[in-house]
Amino acid sequence: MTPSLLLAALPVPALPVESALVLTLAAAAALMAALGPAEAPPPAEASSAAIFALHGHV
């Protein structure tokens, strides 16, 4: 099957590559915003302890 026949078989009109890329990125951003973070952020005490330990101030 030639590419022109494949494009004609699609139920939606063919979009330019740039607009398809923008729509894909927008859909991915919306999905990530809807799902939220994978886990709750650590408490502030744990974050500051990790920063101090990283810099050698125990």
Protein backbone atom coordinates (compact mmCIF):
# COMPACT_ATOMS: atom_id res chain seq x y z
CA MET A 1 0.00 0.00 0.00
CA THR A 2 1.38 3.38 -0.87
CA PRO A 3 1.66 6.15 1.74
CA SER A 4 -1.02 8.20 -0.01
CA LEU A 5 -3.51 5.33 0.28
CA LEU A 6 -2.61 4.87 3.95
CA LEU A 7 -3.25 8.56 4.62
CA ALA A 8 -6.55 8.38 2.76
CA ALA A 9 -7.63 5.44 4.94
CA LEU A 10 -7.26 7.43 8.15
CA PRO A 11 -10.61 8.60 9.60
CA VAL A 12 -9.23 12.03 10.52
CA PRO A 13 -7.62 14.46 8.12
CA ALA A 14 -3.84 14.20 8.06
CA LEU A 15 -2.12 16.78 10.24
CA PRO A 16 1.28 18.28 9.57
CA VAL A 17 4.04 16.67 11.62
CA GLU A 18 4.61 19.81 13.69
CA SER A 19 1.00 20.06 14.83
CA ALA A 20 0.90 16.34 15.67
CA LEU A 21 4.02 16.80 17.80
CA VAL A 22 2.51 19.78 19.62
CA LEU A 23 -0.73 17.89 20.25
CA THR A 24 1.20 14.88 21.56
CA LEU A 25 3.27 17.01 23.93
CA ALA A 26 0.16 18.86 25.14
CA ALA A 27 -1.63 15.56 25.79
CA ALA A 28 1.37 14.24 27.73
CA ALA A 29 1.56 17.42 29.84
CA ALA A 30 -2.15 17.25 30.60
CA LEU A 31 -1.85 13.59 31.59
CA MET A 32 1.10 14.32 33.91
CA ALA A 33 -0.79 17.23 35.49
CA ALA A 34 -3.86 15.06 36.04
CA LEU A 35 -1.90 12.19 37.59
CA GLY A 36 0.13 14.35 39.96
CA PRO A 37 3.33 13.28 41.71
CA ALA A 38 4.11 9.58 42.09
CA GLU A 39 4.55 9.93 45.84
CA ALA A 40 4.23 12.60 48.49
CA PRO A 41 7.26 14.87 48.94
CA PRO A 42 9.39 14.20 52.03
CA PRO A 43 8.95 16.36 55.12
CA ALA A 44 11.08 19.50 55.38
CA GLU A 45 13.17 18.01 58.20
CA ALA A 46 14.30 15.12 56.03
CA SER A 47 15.10 17.44 53.14
CA SER A 48 17.23 19.77 55.26
CA ALA A 49 19.00 16.83 56.93
CA ALA A 50 19.86 15.41 53.53
CA ILE A 51 21.20 18.76 52.33
CA PHE A 52 23.36 19.19 55.43
CA ALA A 53 24.66 15.62 55.14
CA LEU A 54 25.49 16.18 51.47
CA HIS A 55 27.56 19.24 52.29
CA GLY A 56 29.26 17.69 55.30
CA HIS A 57 27.55 19.73 58.05
CA VAL A 58 26.35 17.11 60.48
